[in-house]
Amino acid sequence: MPPVSVLIKPASGKCNMSCRYCFYHSLSSGRKTPDFGFMSPETIELIVCKALKFASGRATFSFQGGEPTLCGLGFFESVVELQKKYNANNAAVQNCLQTNGLLLDEAWCRFLRANGFLVGLSLDGYKALNDLNRVDAAGRGSFDRIMETVRLLNEYCVDYNILFVVTDYSALHSERLYSFFKANGFRYLQFIPCIGPPGGSGGKPGEALSPENYALFLKAFFDRWKNDLASGREIGIRYFDNLVRILMGLPPESCALAGGCGCQFVFEADGGAYSCDFYATDQWRLGDIRRHDMIELYRSENAVRFMDSSRQSRRECVKCRVYALCRGGCRRDREDGLAGEAGPNRFCRAYRAFLPYAYPDLVKIASRAAGGLARVPMKRRHF
């Protein structure tokens, strides 16, 4: 039995925000059932029970949406009790919560701290930048409310990192963006390049990220990151941390750099299972936790097909001088449509510009880290 990682969507696609670039809204709208409602007590119990029965060593439960906190604090309190009840293999259990933070209050923070949850908080940067896209249903910006949540997380010593989406506009303001994160003491950052709706050419103007602007963003963030690292001011940035891991001969913890997809076990609110959050569609459904156990889902035809097809690398990619580091990138960035064949990564030009630029410094950082001469932020603090 291996370590197991499950991603649970207890509120399906329900959300108290209406972000202008939301990929899950456009993805779920293409399903026969766009919204599966809230997860029932019976379904979450089956997920916890079967995941812990399948797991050995470690079991990671990540909660995402939509907005998972819409299920209420009581739902998560029951999850912790179920984990204690069914953890017969004595697996090390890690809980992660990806949230927009609007519902987190003192009671939530006490619970998250007491039970060791790692929180991924969505925040796109300073007020003017964040509120361009991260708005509620009434079109109001979310920045002030999120920063109040940051204050509470800090007050209650809850572990958290910041997740932000890089749009074509924000990529051009990378210096100010980095300075904002640094000034607020955010030490663990994860960014996602905005690509717009699945299978499309991009979102609205100013949202979908172009390869040219992505390269500018990567170079600017990397320069600030390496300079801070050299000065002893460590900021963990998931993408850069993973590049260092690869150069140290370690496996990347990010699936986007693994060279192929695994099976993460994504569970929608109805108990339906999928291999990946980006592919929670009818055509990639693996089965149902109410009728199948974990090994059946892992060995299902769709799971095997999903993993095998993700490893089909284009000939020109394998010959590319940066392939050893980029590994082809995330599958969703290599397809034209959710069922398409693997093609060139839409950010290929960005990686070809950035990786040779950063490579000499990355090698130095990895060499020092491997020799114990410098400390690199390698903690597993990202989703």
Protein backbone atom coordinates (compact mmCIF):
# COMPACT_ATOMS: atom_id res chain seq x y z
CA MET A 1 0.00 0.00 0.00
CA PRO A 2 1.45 3.39 -1.03
CA PRO A 3 1.12 6.86 0.47
CA VAL A 4 -2.14 8.34 -0.78
CA SER A 5 -3.22 11.85 -1.69
CA VAL A 6 -6.86 12.76 -2.17
CA LEU A 7 -8.37 16.08 -3.20
CA ILE A 8 -11.94 16.57 -2.02
CA LYS A 9 -14.47 19.08 -3.34
CA PRO A 10 -17.08 19.00 -0.55
CA ALA A 11 -19.00 22.01 -1.89
CA SER A 12 -18.56 21.02 -5.55
CA GLY A 13 -18.32 24.21 -7.62
CA LYS A 14 -20.23 26.40 -5.17
CA CYS A 15 -18.39 29.59 -4.30
CA ASN A 16 -19.00 32.89 -2.55
CA MET A 17 -16.78 34.64 -5.08
CA SER A 18 -17.02 35.14 -8.81
CA CYS A 19 -13.41 35.35 -9.97
CA ARG A 20 -13.21 36.45 -13.57
CA TYR A 21 -10.70 33.75 -14.56
CA CYS A 22 -12.20 30.79 -12.66
CA PHE A 23 -11.29 27.63 -14.58
CA TYR A 24 -13.51 25.32 -12.53
CA HIS A 25 -16.68 27.21 -13.39
CA SER A 26 -16.04 26.84 -17.11
CA LEU A 27 -14.91 23.22 -16.67
CA SER A 28 -17.92 22.10 -14.60
CA SER A 29 -20.38 23.88 -16.88
CA GLY A 30 -19.45 21.35 -19.56
CA ARG A 31 -20.49 18.38 -17.40
CA LYS A 32 -23.88 16.72 -17.52
CA THR A 33 -24.23 17.73 -13.86
CA PRO A 34 -22.37 21.03 -13.34
CA ASP A 35 -22.91 21.18 -9.55
CA PHE A 36 -23.19 18.13 -7.30
CA GLY A 37 -24.30 20.08 -4.23
CA PHE A 38 -22.78 19.57 -0.80
CA MET A 39 -21.06 16.32 0.14
CA SER A 40 -23.11 14.08 2.41
CA PRO A 41 -21.80 12.71 5.73
CA GLU A 42 -21.99 9.20 4.26
CA THR A 43 -19.84 10.12 1.26
CA ILE A 44 -17.06 11.84 3.22
CA GLU A 45 -16.97 8.89 5.62
CA LEU A 46 -16.48 6.48 2.71
CA ILE A 47 -13.67 8.61 1.27
CA VAL A 48 -11.83 8.83 4.59
CA CYS A 49 -12.36 5.15 5.40
CA LYS A 50 -11.26 3.82 2.01
CA ALA A 51 -8.35 6.25 1.63
CA LEU A 52 -6.91 5.31 5.03
CA LYS A 53 -7.44 1.62 4.35
CA PHE A 54 -5.48 2.05 1.10
CA ALA A 55 -2.74 4.28 2.52
CA SER A 56 0.55 3.35 4.08
CA GLY A 57 3.01 5.77 5.65
CA ARG A 58 1.24 8.99 4.74
CA ALA A 59 -2.26 10.15 3.80
CA THR A 60 -2.87 13.68 2.57
CA PHE A 61 -6.38 15.10 2.43
CA SER A 62 -6.72 18.36 0.50
CA PHE A 63 -9.98 20.30 0.38
CA GLN A 64 -10.72 22.59 -2.53
CA GLY A 65 -13.64 24.05 -4.43
CA GLY A 66 -15.44 26.04 -5.41
CA GLU A 67 -15.10 27.18 -1.83
CA PRO A 68 -14.87 24.28 0.66
CA THR A 69 -15.53 26.39 3.78
CA LEU A 70 -19.13 26.80 2.58
CA CYS A 71 -19.67 23.33 4.08
CA GLY A 72 -19.17 24.83 7.53
CA LEU A 73 -16.73 24.18 10.33
CA GLY A 74 -18.75 21.20 11.57
CA PHE A 75 -18.01 19.31 8.35
CA PHE A 76 -14.26 19.60 8.90
CA GLU A 77 -14.54 18.74 12.58
CA SER A 78 -16.26 15.51 11.52
CA VAL A 79 -13.46 14.81 9.00
CA VAL A 80 -10.84 14.93 11.75
CA GLU A 81 -12.88 12.56 13.90
CA LEU A 82 -13.31 10.17 10.97
CA GLN A 83 -9.57 10.20 10.34
CA LYS A 84 -8.94 9.20 13.94
CA LYS A 85 -11.57 6.48 13.71
CA TYR A 86 -10.33 4.83 10.52
CA ASN A 87 -6.55 5.30 10.70
CA ALA A 88 -5.84 1.66 11.54
CA ASN A 89 -2.55 1.75 9.56
CA ASN A 90 -1.28 4.66 11.68
CA ALA A 91 -0.56 6.73 8.59
CA ALA A 92 0.76 10.25 9.10
CA VAL A 93 -2.28 12.34 8.20
CA GLN A 94 -1.88 15.80 6.68
CA ASN A 95 -4.86 18.07 6.01
CA CYS A 96 -4.74 20.97 3.56
CA LEU A 97 -7.39 23.60 2.87
CA GLN A 98 -7.38 25.77 -0.25
CA THR A 99 -9.65 28.75 0.38
CA ASN A 100 -10.46 32.31 -0.59
CA GLY A 101 -10.47 33.02 3.14
CA LEU A 102 -13.65 35.07 3.30
CA LEU A 103 -15.36 32.82 5.86
CA LEU A 104 -12.40 32.18 8.13
CA ASP A 105 -12.92 33.63 11.62
CA GLU A 106 -11.42 33.03 15.05
CA ALA A 107 -13.25 29.71 15.52
CA TRP A 108 -11.95 28.48 12.18
CA CYS A 109 -8.42 29.57 13.00
CA ARG A 110 -8.45 27.84 16.39
CA PHE A 111 -9.57 24.64 14.68
CA LEU A 112 -7.02 24.87 11.86
CA ARG A 113 -4.18 25.48 14.30
CA ALA A 114 -5.24 22.76 16.73
CA ASN A 115 -5.46 20.17 13.96
CA GLY A 116 -2.37 21.12 11.98
CA PHE A 117 -4.09 22.16 8.76
CA LEU A 118 -1.96 23.77 6.06
CA VAL A 119 -3.98 26.58 4.48
CA GLY A 120 -3.55 27.73 0.91
CA LEU A 121 -4.91 31.27 0.77
CA SER A 122 -5.78 32.79 -2.60
CA LEU A 123 -4.52 36.36 -2.96
CA ASP A 124 -3.39 37.84 -6.27
CA GLY A 125 -1.31 40.62 -4.76
CA TYR A 126 -1.80 44.23 -3.74
CA LYS A 127 -5.30 45.70 -3.61
CA ALA A 128 -5.58 47.19 -7.09
CA LEU A 129 -4.21 44.02 -8.67
CA ASN A 130 -6.14 41.49 -6.58
CA ASP A 131 -9.46 43.27 -7.03
CA LEU A 132 -9.22 43.28 -10.81
CA ASN A 133 -10.26 39.63 -10.94
CA ARG A 134 -10.94 38.31 -7.43
CA VAL A 135 -14.41 39.71 -6.82
CA ASP A 136 -17.52 38.45 -5.06
CA ALA A 137 -20.91 37.85 -6.65
CA ALA A 138 -21.73 41.55 -6.28
CA GLY A 139 -18.54 42.52 -8.10
CA ARG A 140 -16.85 43.84 -4.95
CA GLY A 141 -13.12 43.37 -4.46
CA SER A 142 -11.92 40.88 -1.86
CA PHE A 143 -8.56 42.34 -0.83
CA ASP A 144 -9.51 43.98 2.46
CA ARG A 145 -11.38 40.89 3.68
CA ILE A 146 -8.53 38.58 2.71
CA MET A 147 -6.00 40.73 4.54
CA GLU A 148 -8.16 40.53 7.67
CA THR A 149 -7.98 36.76 7.30
CA VAL A 150 -4.19 37.03 7.00
CA ARG A 151 -4.17 38.91 10.30
CA LEU A 152 -6.17 36.13 11.97
CA LEU A 153 -4.00 33.36 10.52
CA ASN A 154 -0.92 35.11 11.85
CA GLU A 155 -2.51 35.74 15.24
CA TYR A 156 -3.43 32.07 15.67
CA CYS A 157 -0.15 30.80 14.17
CA VAL A 158 -1.90 28.85 11.40
CA ASP A 159 0.47 27.52 8.72
CA TYR A 160 -0.42 29.00 5.34
CA ASN A 161 0.94 29.82 1.95
CA ILE A 162 -0.23 32.22 -0.73
CA LEU A 163 -1.61 31.05 -4.07
CA PHE A 164 -1.82 33.65 -6.82
CA VAL A 165 -2.79 33.60 -10.47
CA VAL A 166 -0.48 35.28 -12.96
CA THR A 167 -2.42 37.09 -15.66
CA ASP A 168 -1.07 38.94 -18.66
CA TYR A 169 -1.56 42.18 -16.76
CA SER A 170 -0.08 41.15 -13.43
CA ALA A 171 2.98 39.69 -15.18
CA LEU A 172 3.91 43.22 -16.19
CA HIS A 173 3.81 44.37 -12.55
CA SER A 174 6.02 41.64 -11.13
CA GLU A 175 8.39 43.97 -9.25
CA ARG A 176 5.59 45.60 -7.29
CA LEU A 177 3.92 42.21 -6.82
CA TYR A 178 7.05 40.62 -5.34
CA SER A 179 7.61 43.63 -3.11
CA PHE A 180 4.05 43.36 -1.80
CA PHE A 181 4.44 39.69 -0.88
CA LYS A 182 7.80 40.32 0.75
CA ALA A 183 6.62 43.37 2.70
CA ASN A 184 3.76 41.36 4.17
CA GLY A 185 6.02 38.55 5.31
CA PHE A 186 4.56 35.92 2.97
CA ARG A 187 7.30 33.31 2.88
CA TYR A 188 5.65 30.55 0.85
CA LEU A 189 4.28 31.38 -2.59
CA GLN A 190 2.73 29.36 -5.38
CA PHE A 191 1.68 30.84 -8.70
CA ILE A 192 -0.51 29.52 -11.49
CA PRO A 193 -0.31 30.91 -15.04
CA CYS A 194 -3.74 31.94 -16.28
CA ILE A 195 -4.77 30.12 -19.45
CA GLY A 196 -8.46 30.91 -19.65
CA PRO A 197 -11.24 28.34 -20.22
CA PRO A 198 -10.26 24.70 -20.93
CA GLY A 199 -9.57 24.14 -24.60
CA GLY A 200 -9.80 27.84 -25.41
CA SER A 201 -7.27 30.34 -26.58
CA GLY A 202 -7.54 32.34 -23.39
CA GLY A 203 -9.82 34.42 -21.25
CA LYS A 204 -10.71 38.06 -21.43
CA PRO A 205 -8.09 40.63 -22.48
CA GLY A 206 -5.61 41.20 -19.69
CA GLU A 207 -6.23 37.78 -18.12
CA ALA A 208 -4.84 34.92 -20.22
CA LEU A 209 -1.06 34.93 -19.89
CA SER A 210 1.08 35.23 -23.01
CA PRO A 211 4.40 33.32 -23.23
CA GLU A 212 6.28 36.57 -23.72
CA ASN A 213 4.91 38.18 -20.55
CA TYR A 214 5.27 34.94 -18.61
CA ALA A 215 8.99 34.92 -19.44
CA LEU A 216 9.30 38.50 -18.19
CA PHE A 217 7.49 37.56 -14.98
CA LEU A 218 9.64 34.48 -14.35
CA LYS A 219 12.89 36.36 -14.87
CA ALA A 220 11.88 39.24 -12.60
CA PHE A 221 10.62 36.99 -9.80
CA PHE A 222 13.64 34.72 -10.07
CA ASP A 223 16.09 37.60 -9.80
CA ARG A 224 14.40 38.91 -6.67
CA TRP A 225 14.16 35.39 -5.21
CA LYS A 226 17.83 34.49 -5.78
CA ASN A 227 18.98 37.82 -4.35
CA ASP A 228 16.88 37.35 -1.24
CA LEU A 229 18.16 33.80 -0.88
CA ALA A 230 21.76 34.98 -1.13
CA SER A 231 21.05 37.55 1.58
CA GLY A 232 19.55 34.98 3.93
CA ARG A 233 15.97 36.17 3.38
CA GLU A 234 14.31 32.94 2.32
CA ILE A 235 11.07 32.97 0.37
CA GLY A 236 9.79 29.62 -0.81
CA ILE A 237 8.45 29.81 -4.38
CA ARG A 238 7.17 26.44 -5.44
CA TYR A 239 8.29 26.49 -9.06
CA PHE A 240 11.84 27.62 -8.27
CA ASP A 241 12.07 25.24 -5.30
CA ASN A 242 11.17 22.36 -7.59
CA LEU A 243 13.75 23.31 -10.19
CA VAL A 244 16.37 23.23 -7.44
CA ARG A 245 15.12 19.80 -6.33
CA ILE A 246 15.53 18.45 -9.87
CA LEU A 247 19.08 19.78 -10.11
CA MET A 248 19.87 18.17 -6.75
CA GLY A 249 18.78 14.82 -8.17
CA LEU A 250 15.57 14.75 -6.14
CA PRO A 251 12.10 14.09 -7.53
CA PRO A 252 9.95 17.21 -7.94
CA GLU A 253 6.96 17.40 -5.63
CA SER A 254 5.01 19.32 -8.29
CA CYS A 255 3.22 17.00 -10.72
CA ALA A 256 3.64 19.61 -13.47
CA LEU A 257 7.38 18.86 -13.48
CA ALA A 258 7.13 15.09 -13.19
CA GLY A 259 7.07 14.44 -16.93
CA GLY A 260 3.73 12.66 -16.69
CA CYS A 261 0.53 12.51 -14.69
CA GLY A 262 -0.25 10.30 -11.74
CA CYS A 263 -3.62 9.64 -10.16
CA GLN A 264 -4.36 12.15 -7.42
CA PHE A 265 -7.85 10.85 -6.56
CA VAL A 266 -10.08 13.91 -6.89
CA PHE A 267 -13.51 13.43 -5.37
CA GLU A 268 -16.49 15.56 -6.28
CA ALA A 269 -19.33 16.11 -3.79
CA ASP A 270 -21.33 13.18 -5.15
CA GLY A 271 -18.43 10.76 -4.61
CA GLY A 272 -17.37 10.75 -8.24
CA ALA A 273 -13.63 10.21 -8.71
CA TYR A 274 -11.20 11.75 -11.20
CA SER A 275 -7.44 11.63 -11.74
CA CYS A 276 -6.88 15.39 -11.73
CA ASP A 277 -8.63 18.58 -10.71
CA PHE A 278 -8.18 19.99 -14.21
CA TYR A 279 -9.90 16.93 -15.70
CA ALA A 280 -12.94 16.54 -13.46
CA THR A 281 -15.13 15.98 -16.51
CA ASP A 282 -17.61 13.31 -17.52
CA GLN A 283 -15.22 11.75 -20.01
CA TRP A 284 -12.46 11.32 -17.40
CA ARG A 285 -14.60 10.07 -14.50
CA LEU A 286 -12.97 7.00 -12.91
CA GLY A 287 -15.89 5.72 -10.92
CA ASP A 288 -17.65 6.38 -7.63
CA ILE A 289 -16.33 5.96 -4.08
CA ARG A 290 -19.75 4.64 -3.10
CA ARG A 291 -19.28 1.63 -5.39
CA HIS A 292 -15.52 1.26 -5.79
CA ASP A 293 -12.51 1.08 -3.51
CA MET A 294 -9.30 3.00 -4.10
CA ILE A 295 -7.45 0.24 -5.92
CA GLU A 296 -10.38 -0.21 -8.32
CA LEU A 297 -10.35 3.50 -9.09
CA TYR A 298 -6.58 3.48 -9.56
CA ARG A 299 -6.78 0.53 -11.96
CA SER A 300 -9.81 1.80 -13.85
CA GLU A 301 -9.59 2.15 -17.61
CA ASN A 302 -9.78 5.94 -17.47
CA ALA A 303 -7.07 6.22 -14.81
CA VAL A 304 -4.66 4.04 -16.77
CA ARG A 305 -5.47 5.85 -20.01
CA PHE A 306 -5.03 9.23 -18.35
CA MET A 307 -1.63 8.39 -16.91
CA ASP A 308 -0.33 6.62 -20.01
CA SER A 309 -1.42 9.31 -22.46
CA SER A 310 0.20 12.05 -20.37
CA ARG A 311 3.63 10.53 -20.95
CA GLN A 312 3.51 10.90 -24.71
CA SER A 313 6.22 13.49 -25.28
CA ARG A 314 6.59 15.21 -28.61
CA ARG A 315 9.84 14.45 -30.42
CA GLU A 316 10.85 18.10 -30.53
CA CYS A 317 10.31 18.36 -26.76
CA VAL A 318 12.64 15.47 -25.96
CA LYS A 319 15.34 17.06 -28.13
CA CYS A 320 14.90 20.50 -26.54
CA ARG A 321 17.78 21.67 -24.35
CA VAL A 322 15.45 22.73 -21.51
CA TYR A 323 13.37 19.53 -21.49
CA ALA A 324 15.30 18.06 -18.56
CA LEU A 325 13.98 20.87 -16.40
CA CYS A 326 10.59 21.70 -17.91
CA ARG A 327 9.61 18.04 -18.49
CA GLY A 328 6.94 19.22 -20.92
CA GLY A 329 5.06 21.10 -18.20
CA CYS A 330 1.51 20.57 -16.99
CA ARG A 331 -0.67 18.42 -19.22
CA ARG A 332 -3.42 21.05 -19.41
CA ASP A 333 -0.89 23.42 -20.98
CA ARG A 334 -0.04 20.84 -23.65
CA GLU A 335 -3.49 20.10 -25.04
CA ASP A 336 -5.99 21.80 -27.29
CA GLY A 337 -9.09 20.67 -25.47
CA LEU A 338 -9.49 18.26 -22.57
CA ALA A 339 -9.36 15.16 -24.78
CA GLY A 340 -6.74 16.41 -27.22
CA GLU A 341 -3.41 14.90 -28.06
CA ALA A 342 -0.31 16.20 -26.33
CA GLY A 343 1.03 19.16 -28.25
CA PRO A 344 3.59 21.86 -27.58
CA ASN A 345 3.23 23.58 -24.24
CA ARG A 346 1.50 26.94 -24.69
CA PHE A 347 4.27 28.45 -22.52
CA CYS A 348 7.10 26.76 -24.41
CA ARG A 349 8.62 30.07 -25.53
CA ALA A 350 8.55 31.31 -21.93
CA TYR A 351 10.45 28.27 -20.65
CA ARG A 352 12.96 28.45 -23.50
CA ALA A 353 13.64 32.06 -22.57
CA PHE A 354 13.64 31.65 -18.79
CA LEU A 355 15.37 28.34 -18.06
CA PRO A 356 18.67 29.07 -19.86
CA TYR A 357 18.62 32.50 -18.19
CA ALA A 358 18.20 31.03 -14.69
CA TYR A 359 20.18 27.82 -15.14
CA PRO A 360 23.64 29.02 -13.99
CA ASP A 361 22.22 30.44 -10.77
CA LEU A 362 19.97 27.43 -10.21
CA VAL A 363 23.00 25.13 -10.49
CA LYS A 364 24.91 27.20 -7.93
CA ILE A 365 21.98 27.19 -5.52
CA ALA A 366 21.48 23.43 -5.92
CA SER A 367 25.21 22.76 -5.50
CA ARG A 368 25.42 24.80 -2.32
CA ALA A 369 22.30 23.16 -0.94
CA ALA A 370 23.59 19.67 -1.71
CA GLY A 371 26.88 20.49 -0.02
CA GLY A 372 25.22 21.99 3.00
CA LEU A 373 26.81 25.38 2.34
CA ALA A 374 23.53 27.21 1.93
CA ARG A 375 19.99 26.57 3.03
CA VAL A 376 17.33 26.47 0.34
CA PRO A 377 13.61 26.66 1.22
CA MET A 378 12.81 23.05 0.40
CA LYS A 379 10.04 22.46 2.91
CA ARG A 380 6.91 20.85 1.54
CA ARG A 381 4.69 23.85 2.06
CA HIS A 382 2.80 23.96 -1.21
CA PHE A 383 -0.26 22.34 -2.70
